[in-house]
Amino acid sequence: MEITDALKARTPEPLKKVIRSIRCQFVKKNGGELSYWRSKFETENGQFKNSHYKRLMLGMASEQADDFVKGKIVADFGCGPRGSLTWASSALLRIGIDVIADQYADEFTHNITSHGMIYLKCTEKVIPLPSDFVDIMFTINAMDHVDNFPTMCKEIVRVLKPGGEFIGSFNLDEPATPCEPQQLSERIVKEALLSKLQVRSYRVANHGPNGIGAEGQDLRYQPFFDGNLSYTPGEEGYLWVRAQKLDRRCGS
């Protein structure tokens, strides 16, 4: 039960939630994720599009250029198979982390091997990387997909280097489904994750219109780029945050 991009843009959000919930009742969470990417792969004619990630991730980071990733170990938690870090070519190492990374490799082999990234399979409990390893950890609306939000927050903090940065986008107040079991709020994100980091940038905005703009941008995030940072608590929106893991030697 998949919805094409054209139909999705015309489908009211409440109806999409119902469809998504019904679909997830019949498909296990990981199977639902893979089914989604199969649909995208077919829609995009066997070659995942990923050029939009640069604008989106630079926007999340409040950066104009990609100089800040040069020589760094950069990761993306819940990356999917699109090649979300292909733009970060000056990084020392690019790591996509996902619970079904192995299945992406089997299904989309040519795409996966062309992205210049390491795809790493994690579990719902552990990111299999050493502690204090990653310089910059991105995540884009993936944290509501995890089974245990506090556990995965601890893992993200663990693998970050002291002085390393977390740059994330969170869905706010989106009703939970079997595929996306977490209904996140500002309070939950602050308690489980941001309380362990030093926040450098914190922005919330209402959900923009569904659809793709003339230049390929995802219009859901357009309020951030327009500077329209109004948000009504309890309504669906997004949180963009950039935060730093303090050096324990400095008393953190």
C-alpha atoms as a PDB file:
ATOM      1  CA  MET A   1       0.000   0.000   0.000  1.00  0.00           C
ATOM      2  CA  GLU A   2       2.297   2.748  -1.287  1.00  0.00           C
ATOM      3  CA  ILE A   3       1.413   6.283  -2.344  1.00  0.00           C
ATOM      4  CA  THR A   4       3.103   7.875  -5.359  1.00  0.00           C
ATOM      5  CA  ASP A   5       4.753  11.260  -4.851  1.00  0.00           C
ATOM      6  CA  ALA A   6       2.130  13.022  -6.967  1.00  0.00           C
ATOM      7  CA  LEU A   7      -0.752  11.434  -5.071  1.00  0.00           C
ATOM      8  CA  LYS A   8       0.978  12.003  -1.725  1.00  0.00           C
ATOM      9  CA  ALA A   9       1.228  15.741  -2.396  1.00  0.00           C
ATOM     10  CA  ARG A  10      -2.569  15.874  -2.903  1.00  0.00           C
ATOM     11  CA  THR A  11      -3.480  13.610   0.008  1.00  0.00           C
ATOM     12  CA  PRO A  12      -4.637  15.384   3.194  1.00  0.00           C
ATOM     13  CA  GLU A  13      -2.269  14.821   6.113  1.00  0.00           C
ATOM     14  CA  PRO A  14      -4.917  13.148   8.372  1.00  0.00           C
ATOM     15  CA  LEU A  15      -5.675  10.612   5.629  1.00  0.00           C
ATOM     16  CA  LYS A  16      -1.970   9.896   5.116  1.00  0.00           C
ATOM     17  CA  LYS A  17      -1.638   9.138   8.827  1.00  0.00           C
ATOM     18  CA  VAL A  18      -4.493   6.652   8.632  1.00  0.00           C
ATOM     19  CA  ILE A  19      -2.987   4.969   5.553  1.00  0.00           C
ATOM     20  CA  ARG A  20       0.442   4.827   7.176  1.00  0.00           C
ATOM     21  CA  SER A  21      -0.961   3.344  10.373  1.00  0.00           C
ATOM     22  CA  ILE A  22      -2.970   0.685   8.525  1.00  0.00           C
ATOM     23  CA  ARG A  23       0.012  -0.263   6.367  1.00  0.00           C
ATOM     24  CA  CYS A  24       2.268  -0.608   9.393  1.00  0.00           C
ATOM     25  CA  GLN A  25      -0.229  -2.888  11.097  1.00  0.00           C
ATOM     26  CA  PHE A  26       0.382  -5.412   8.323  1.00  0.00           C
ATOM     27  CA  VAL A  27       4.082  -4.876   7.737  1.00  0.00           C
ATOM     28  CA  LYS A  28       6.807  -5.143  10.367  1.00  0.00           C
ATOM     29  CA  LYS A  29       8.659  -1.887  11.003  1.00  0.00           C
ATOM     30  CA  ASN A  30      11.827  -2.801   9.111  1.00  0.00           C
ATOM     31  CA  GLY A  31       9.798  -4.291   6.284  1.00  0.00           C
ATOM     32  CA  GLY A  32       7.858  -1.055   6.061  1.00  0.00           C
ATOM     33  CA  GLU A  33      11.082   0.947   5.803  1.00  0.00           C
ATOM     34  CA  LEU A  34      12.401  -1.283   3.026  1.00  0.00           C
ATOM     35  CA  SER A  35       9.085  -1.138   1.196  1.00  0.00           C
ATOM     36  CA  TYR A  36       9.198   2.670   1.311  1.00  0.00           C
ATOM     37  CA  TRP A  37      12.678   2.777  -0.224  1.00  0.00           C
ATOM     38  CA  ARG A  38      11.748   0.230  -2.892  1.00  0.00           C
ATOM     39  CA  SER A  39       8.937   2.556  -3.923  1.00  0.00           C
ATOM     40  CA  LYS A  40      11.317   5.547  -4.047  1.00  0.00           C
ATOM     41  CA  PHE A  41      13.859   3.518  -6.026  1.00  0.00           C
ATOM     42  CA  GLU A  42      11.218   2.674  -8.621  1.00  0.00           C
ATOM     43  CA  THR A  43       9.880   6.236  -8.746  1.00  0.00           C
ATOM     44  CA  GLU A  44      13.401   7.594  -9.281  1.00  0.00           C
ATOM     45  CA  ASN A  45      14.122   5.123 -12.080  1.00  0.00           C
ATOM     46  CA  GLY A  46      16.701   3.017 -10.279  1.00  0.00           C
ATOM     47  CA  GLN A  47      18.979   5.862  -9.182  1.00  0.00           C
ATOM     48  CA  PHE A  48      18.343   7.500  -5.829  1.00  0.00           C
ATOM     49  CA  LYS A  49      18.365  11.295  -5.881  1.00  0.00           C
ATOM     50  CA  ASN A  50      20.479  12.861  -3.133  1.00  0.00           C
ATOM     51  CA  SER A  51      21.448  16.365  -4.293  1.00  0.00           C
ATOM     52  CA  HIS A  52      18.917  17.944  -1.899  1.00  0.00           C
ATOM     53  CA  TYR A  53      20.789  16.735   1.193  1.00  0.00           C
ATOM     54  CA  LYS A  54      23.474  19.412   0.938  1.00  0.00           C
ATOM     55  CA  ARG A  55      21.012  22.295   1.218  1.00  0.00           C
ATOM     56  CA  LEU A  56      19.068  20.540   3.955  1.00  0.00           C
ATOM     57  CA  MET A  57      22.041  19.535   6.105  1.00  0.00           C
ATOM     58  CA  LEU A  58      23.809  22.867   5.726  1.00  0.00           C
ATOM     59  CA  GLY A  59      20.547  24.517   6.726  1.00  0.00           C
ATOM     60  CA  MET A  60      20.274  22.324   9.817  1.00  0.00           C
ATOM     61  CA  ALA A  61      23.851  23.237  10.728  1.00  0.00           C
ATOM     62  CA  SER A  62      23.341  26.969  10.022  1.00  0.00           C
ATOM     63  CA  GLU A  63      26.317  26.830   7.665  1.00  0.00           C
ATOM     64  CA  GLN A  64      26.738  28.456   4.267  1.00  0.00           C
ATOM     65  CA  ALA A  65      29.408  26.050   3.004  1.00  0.00           C
ATOM     66  CA  ASP A  66      30.705  22.586   3.829  1.00  0.00           C
ATOM     67  CA  ASP A  67      34.094  23.681   5.213  1.00  0.00           C
ATOM     68  CA  PHE A  68      33.108  22.571   8.719  1.00  0.00           C
ATOM     69  CA  VAL A  69      33.187  18.877   7.737  1.00  0.00           C
ATOM     70  CA  LYS A  70      36.673  18.988   6.170  1.00  0.00           C
ATOM     71  CA  GLY A  71      38.921  16.286   7.596  1.00  0.00           C
ATOM     72  CA  LYS A  72      36.188  15.126   9.998  1.00  0.00           C
ATOM     73  CA  ILE A  73      34.535  11.778  10.642  1.00  0.00           C
ATOM     74  CA  VAL A  74      30.910  12.485   9.737  1.00  0.00           C
ATOM     75  CA  ALA A  75      27.976  10.128  10.317  1.00  0.00           C
ATOM     76  CA  ASP A  76      24.238  10.105   9.643  1.00  0.00           C
ATOM     77  CA  PHE A  77      22.019   8.086  11.990  1.00  0.00           C
ATOM     78  CA  GLY A  78      19.009   6.540  10.235  1.00  0.00           C
ATOM     79  CA  CYS A  79      20.533   7.392   6.875  1.00  0.00           C
ATOM     80  CA  GLY A  80      18.468   5.263   4.506  1.00  0.00           C
ATOM     81  CA  PRO A  81      20.037   4.169   1.192  1.00  0.00           C
ATOM     82  CA  ARG A  82      20.018   7.479  -0.709  1.00  0.00           C
ATOM     83  CA  GLY A  83      23.583   8.604  -0.083  1.00  0.00           C
ATOM     84  CA  SER A  84      22.784  11.365   2.371  1.00  0.00           C
ATOM     85  CA  LEU A  85      26.453  12.297   2.875  1.00  0.00           C
ATOM     86  CA  THR A  86      27.666  12.258  -0.729  1.00  0.00           C
ATOM     87  CA  TRP A  87      27.890  16.069  -0.580  1.00  0.00           C
ATOM     88  CA  ALA A  88      30.438  15.933   2.287  1.00  0.00           C
ATOM     89  CA  SER A  89      33.312  14.969   0.018  1.00  0.00           C
ATOM     90  CA  SER A  90      35.925  16.824   2.081  1.00  0.00           C
ATOM     91  CA  ALA A  91      35.211  14.702   5.162  1.00  0.00           C
ATOM     92  CA  LEU A  92      37.824  12.196   6.283  1.00  0.00           C
ATOM     93  CA  LEU A  93      35.201   9.461   6.596  1.00  0.00           C
ATOM     94  CA  ARG A  94      31.463   9.314   5.873  1.00  0.00           C
ATOM     95  CA  ILE A  95      29.346   6.751   7.728  1.00  0.00           C
ATOM     96  CA  GLY A  96      25.673   5.987   7.170  1.00  0.00           C
ATOM     97  CA  ILE A  97      24.144   4.202  10.171  1.00  0.00           C
ATOM     98  CA  ASP A  98      20.905   2.243   9.832  1.00  0.00           C
ATOM     99  CA  VAL A  99      19.298  -0.852  11.356  1.00  0.00           C
ATOM    100  CA  ILE A 100      18.745  -2.342   7.889  1.00  0.00           C
ATOM    101  CA  ALA A 101      21.918  -1.166   6.158  1.00  0.00           C
ATOM    102  CA  ASP A 102      22.685  -4.752   5.140  1.00  0.00           C
ATOM    103  CA  GLN A 103      19.341  -5.035   3.373  1.00  0.00           C
ATOM    104  CA  TYR A 104      19.960  -1.757   1.569  1.00  0.00           C
ATOM    105  CA  ALA A 105      23.260  -3.203   0.328  1.00  0.00           C
ATOM    106  CA  ASP A 106      21.503  -6.280  -1.028  1.00  0.00           C
ATOM    107  CA  GLU A 107      18.596  -4.393  -2.616  1.00  0.00           C
ATOM    108  CA  PHE A 108      20.349  -1.291  -3.966  1.00  0.00           C
ATOM    109  CA  THR A 109      23.913  -2.506  -4.468  1.00  0.00           C
ATOM    110  CA  HIS A 110      24.967  -0.201  -7.292  1.00  0.00           C
ATOM    111  CA  ASN A 111      23.648   2.897  -5.535  1.00  0.00           C
ATOM    112  CA  ILE A 112      25.144   1.975  -2.153  1.00  0.00           C
ATOM    113  CA  THR A 113      28.618   1.293  -3.566  1.00  0.00           C
ATOM    114  CA  SER A 114      28.674   4.559  -5.534  1.00  0.00           C
ATOM    115  CA  HIS A 115      28.082   6.936  -2.615  1.00  0.00           C
ATOM    116  CA  GLY A 116      31.602   7.095  -1.180  1.00  0.00           C
ATOM    117  CA  MET A 117      30.149   6.159   2.220  1.00  0.00           C
ATOM    118  CA  ILE A 118      30.497   3.312   4.675  1.00  0.00           C
ATOM    119  CA  TYR A 119      27.076   1.868   5.462  1.00  0.00           C
ATOM    120  CA  LEU A 120      26.991   0.476   8.990  1.00  0.00           C
ATOM    121  CA  LYS A 121      24.271  -1.762  10.411  1.00  0.00           C
ATOM    122  CA  CYS A 122      23.334  -0.902  13.982  1.00  0.00           C
ATOM    123  CA  THR A 123      20.802  -2.512  16.300  1.00  0.00           C
ATOM    124  CA  GLU A 124      18.002  -0.979  18.334  1.00  0.00           C
ATOM    125  CA  LYS A 125      20.394  -0.956  21.288  1.00  0.00           C
ATOM    126  CA  VAL A 126      23.930  -0.388  19.993  1.00  0.00           C
ATOM    127  CA  ILE A 127      25.766   1.653  17.363  1.00  0.00           C
ATOM    128  CA  PRO A 128      28.800  -0.590  16.663  1.00  0.00           C
ATOM    129  CA  LEU A 129      31.419   2.156  16.765  1.00  0.00           C
ATOM    130  CA  PRO A 130      34.047   2.929  19.402  1.00  0.00           C
ATOM    131  CA  SER A 131      33.254   5.525  22.032  1.00  0.00           C
ATOM    132  CA  ASP A 132      34.453   9.074  21.270  1.00  0.00           C
ATOM    133  CA  PHE A 133      34.821   8.325  17.547  1.00  0.00           C
ATOM    134  CA  VAL A 134      32.542  10.600  15.471  1.00  0.00           C
ATOM    135  CA  ASP A 135      33.234  14.304  14.929  1.00  0.00           C
ATOM    136  CA  ILE A 136      29.812  15.233  13.526  1.00  0.00           C
ATOM    137  CA  MET A 137      26.617  13.169  13.861  1.00  0.00           C
ATOM    138  CA  PHE A 138      23.637  14.114  11.708  1.00  0.00           C
ATOM    139  CA  THR A 139      20.158  12.660  11.896  1.00  0.00           C
ATOM    140  CA  ILE A 140      17.113  13.669   9.863  1.00  0.00           C
ATOM    141  CA  ASN A 141      13.741  12.724  11.340  1.00  0.00           C
ATOM    142  CA  ALA A 142      14.919   9.200  12.124  1.00  0.00           C
ATOM    143  CA  MET A 143      14.795   9.222  15.918  1.00  0.00           C
ATOM    144  CA  ASP A 144      11.025   8.689  16.044  1.00  0.00           C
ATOM    145  CA  HIS A 145      11.608   5.369  14.249  1.00  0.00           C
ATOM    146  CA  VAL A 146      13.632   3.807  17.083  1.00  0.00           C
ATOM    147  CA  ASP A 147      12.112   1.423  19.621  1.00  0.00           C
ATOM    148  CA  ASN A 148      13.849   2.976  22.641  1.00  0.00           C
ATOM    149  CA  PHE A 149      14.523   6.688  22.322  1.00  0.00           C
ATOM    150  CA  PRO A 150      16.603   7.200  25.523  1.00  0.00           C
ATOM    151  CA  THR A 151      18.821   4.207  24.673  1.00  0.00           C
ATOM    152  CA  MET A 152      19.648   5.467  21.189  1.00  0.00           C
ATOM    153  CA  CYS A 153      20.255   8.984  22.519  1.00  0.00           C
ATOM    154  CA  LYS A 154      22.832   7.552  24.913  1.00  0.00           C
ATOM    155  CA  GLU A 155      24.491   5.702  22.046  1.00  0.00           C
ATOM    156  CA  ILE A 156      24.683   8.833  19.908  1.00  0.00           C
ATOM    157  CA  VAL A 157      26.331  10.722  22.742  1.00  0.00           C
ATOM    158  CA  ARG A 158      28.692   7.811  23.454  1.00  0.00           C
ATOM    159  CA  VAL A 159      30.092   7.624  19.919  1.00  0.00           C
ATOM    160  CA  LEU A 160      30.585  11.402  19.644  1.00  0.00           C
ATOM    161  CA  LYS A 161      34.069  12.683  20.367  1.00  0.00           C
ATOM    162  CA  PRO A 162      34.467  15.209  23.174  1.00  0.00           C
ATOM    163  CA  GLY A 163      34.004  18.468  21.327  1.00  0.00           C
ATOM    164  CA  GLY A 164      32.100  16.640  18.600  1.00  0.00           C
ATOM    165  CA  GLU A 165      28.777  17.941  17.319  1.00  0.00           C
ATOM    166  CA  PHE A 166      25.266  16.590  16.966  1.00  0.00           C
ATOM    167  CA  ILE A 167      23.146  18.166  14.211  1.00  0.00           C
ATOM    168  CA  GLY A 168      19.606  16.854  14.101  1.00  0.00           C
ATOM    169  CA  SER A 169      16.086  17.309  12.785  1.00  0.00           C
ATOM    170  CA  PHE A 170      13.215  15.879  14.838  1.00  0.00           C
ATOM    171  CA  ASN A 171       9.552  15.415  14.032  1.00  0.00           C
ATOM    172  CA  LEU A 172       7.550  17.055  16.811  1.00  0.00           C
ATOM    173  CA  ASP A 173       4.142  15.826  17.991  1.00  0.00           C
ATOM    174  CA  GLU A 174       3.666  13.465  15.083  1.00  0.00           C
ATOM    175  CA  PRO A 175       1.353  10.671  16.322  1.00  0.00           C
ATOM    176  CA  ALA A 176       3.118   7.356  16.879  1.00  0.00           C
ATOM    177  CA  THR A 177       2.570   4.431  14.525  1.00  0.00           C
ATOM    178  CA  PRO A 178       3.983   0.887  14.548  1.00  0.00           C
ATOM    179  CA  CYS A 179       6.591   2.083  12.011  1.00  0.00           C
ATOM    180  CA  GLU A 180       7.372   5.287  13.929  1.00  0.00           C
ATOM    181  CA  PRO A 181       6.726   4.330  17.565  1.00  0.00           C
ATOM    182  CA  GLN A 182       7.957   7.569  19.163  1.00  0.00           C
ATOM    183  CA  GLN A 183       5.813  10.684  19.458  1.00  0.00           C
ATOM    184  CA  LEU A 184       8.494  13.230  20.234  1.00  0.00           C
ATOM    185  CA  SER A 185       8.123  16.604  21.907  1.00  0.00           C
ATOM    186  CA  GLU A 186      10.596  19.324  22.814  1.00  0.00           C
ATOM    187  CA  ARG A 187      10.512  18.129  26.421  1.00  0.00           C
ATOM    188  CA  ILE A 188      11.327  14.520  25.519  1.00  0.00           C
ATOM    189  CA  VAL A 189      14.219  15.511  23.249  1.00  0.00           C
ATOM    190  CA  LYS A 190      15.641  17.867  25.859  1.00  0.00           C
ATOM    191  CA  GLU A 191      15.449  15.315  28.670  1.00  0.00           C
ATOM    192  CA  ALA A 192      16.837  12.314  26.778  1.00  0.00           C
ATOM    193  CA  LEU A 193      19.444  13.984  24.575  1.00  0.00           C
ATOM    194  CA  LEU A 194      20.053  17.699  24.867  1.00  0.00           C
ATOM    195  CA  SER A 195      20.554  17.563  28.636  1.00  0.00           C
ATOM    196  CA  LYS A 196      23.783  15.666  27.853  1.00  0.00           C
ATOM    197  CA  LEU A 197      25.039  18.208  25.326  1.00  0.00           C
ATOM    198  CA  GLN A 198      25.713  21.919  25.069  1.00  0.00           C
ATOM    199  CA  VAL A 199      23.173  23.436  22.709  1.00  0.00           C
ATOM    200  CA  ARG A 200      24.596  25.874  20.153  1.00  0.00           C
ATOM    201  CA  SER A 201      21.539  26.359  17.920  1.00  0.00           C
ATOM    202  CA  TYR A 202      17.884  25.545  18.626  1.00  0.00           C
ATOM    203  CA  ARG A 203      15.040  26.279  16.175  1.00  0.00           C
ATOM    204  CA  VAL A 204      11.461  25.064  15.949  1.00  0.00           C
ATOM    205  CA  ALA A 205       8.961  25.645  13.150  1.00  0.00           C
ATOM    206  CA  ASN A 206       5.569  24.484  12.032  1.00  0.00           C
ATOM    207  CA  HIS A 207       5.310  21.827   9.346  1.00  0.00           C
ATOM    208  CA  GLY A 208       5.562  23.396   5.897  1.00  0.00           C
ATOM    209  CA  PRO A 209       3.382  22.304   2.950  1.00  0.00           C
ATOM    210  CA  ASN A 210       3.838  18.817   1.570  1.00  0.00           C
ATOM    211  CA  GLY A 211       5.476  18.651  -1.814  1.00  0.00           C
ATOM    212  CA  ILE A 212       8.667  19.455  -3.704  1.00  0.00           C
ATOM    213  CA  GLY A 213       9.598  22.955  -4.820  1.00  0.00           C
ATOM    214  CA  ALA A 214      10.740  24.088  -8.249  1.00  0.00           C
ATOM    215  CA  GLU A 215      14.397  23.553  -7.317  1.00  0.00           C
ATOM    216  CA  GLY A 216      13.819  20.128  -5.776  1.00  0.00           C
ATOM    217  CA  GLN A 217      13.642  21.323  -2.172  1.00  0.00           C
ATOM    218  CA  ASP A 218      11.394  19.610   0.356  1.00  0.00           C
ATOM    219  CA  LEU A 219       8.793  22.235   1.208  1.00  0.00           C
ATOM    220  CA  ARG A 220       8.095  20.729   4.635  1.00  0.00           C
ATOM    221  CA  TYR A 221      11.269  22.461   5.875  1.00  0.00           C
ATOM    222  CA  GLN A 222      10.760  25.742   4.009  1.00  0.00           C
ATOM    223  CA  PRO A 223       9.787  27.716   7.151  1.00  0.00           C
ATOM    224  CA  PHE A 224      13.377  27.310   8.414  1.00  0.00           C
ATOM    225  CA  PHE A 225      14.832  28.726   5.206  1.00  0.00           C
ATOM    226  CA  ASP A 226      12.289  31.556   5.183  1.00  0.00           C
ATOM    227  CA  GLY A 227      13.085  32.414   8.804  1.00  0.00           C
ATOM    228  CA  ASN A 228       9.484  31.694   9.815  1.00  0.00           C
ATOM    229  CA  LEU A 229      10.245  30.101  13.187  1.00  0.00           C
ATOM    230  CA  SER A 230       6.771  30.171  14.659  1.00  0.00           C
ATOM    231  CA  TYR A 231       5.606  26.960  16.320  1.00  0.00           C
ATOM    232  CA  THR A 232       2.483  25.992  18.226  1.00  0.00           C
ATOM    233  CA  PRO A 233       3.257  23.346  20.894  1.00  0.00           C
ATOM    234  CA  GLY A 234       1.153  20.252  20.408  1.00  0.00           C
ATOM    235  CA  GLU A 235       0.921  20.693  16.647  1.00  0.00           C
ATOM    236  CA  GLU A 236       3.117  18.871  14.157  1.00  0.00           C
ATOM    237  CA  GLY A 237       6.382  20.622  13.469  1.00  0.00           C
ATOM    238  CA  TYR A 238      10.141  20.239  13.393  1.00  0.00           C
ATOM    239  CA  LEU A 239      13.015  20.889  15.750  1.00  0.00           C
ATOM    240  CA  TRP A 240      16.441  21.669  14.287  1.00  0.00           C
ATOM    241  CA  VAL A 241      19.251  21.586  16.800  1.00  0.00           C
ATOM    242  CA  ARG A 242      23.036  21.759  16.790  1.00  0.00           C
ATOM    243  CA  ALA A 243      24.765  20.792  20.016  1.00  0.00           C
ATOM    244  CA  GLN A 244      28.223  19.858  21.242  1.00  0.00           C
ATOM    245  CA  LYS A 245      29.536  17.070  23.449  1.00  0.00           C
ATOM    246  CA  LEU A 246      31.645  18.695  26.126  1.00  0.00           C
ATOM    247  CA  ASP A 247      35.131  17.498  26.941  1.00  0.00           C
ATOM    248  CA  ARG A 248      34.891  15.495  30.168  1.00  0.00           C
ATOM    249  CA  ARG A 249      38.208  16.989  31.218  1.00  0.00           C
ATOM    250  CA  CYS A 250      36.448  20.331  31.373  1.00  0.00           C
ATOM    251  CA  GLY A 251      33.958  19.080  33.942  1.00  0.00           C
ATOM    252  CA  SER A 252      31.105  17.925  31.704  1.00  0.00           C
END
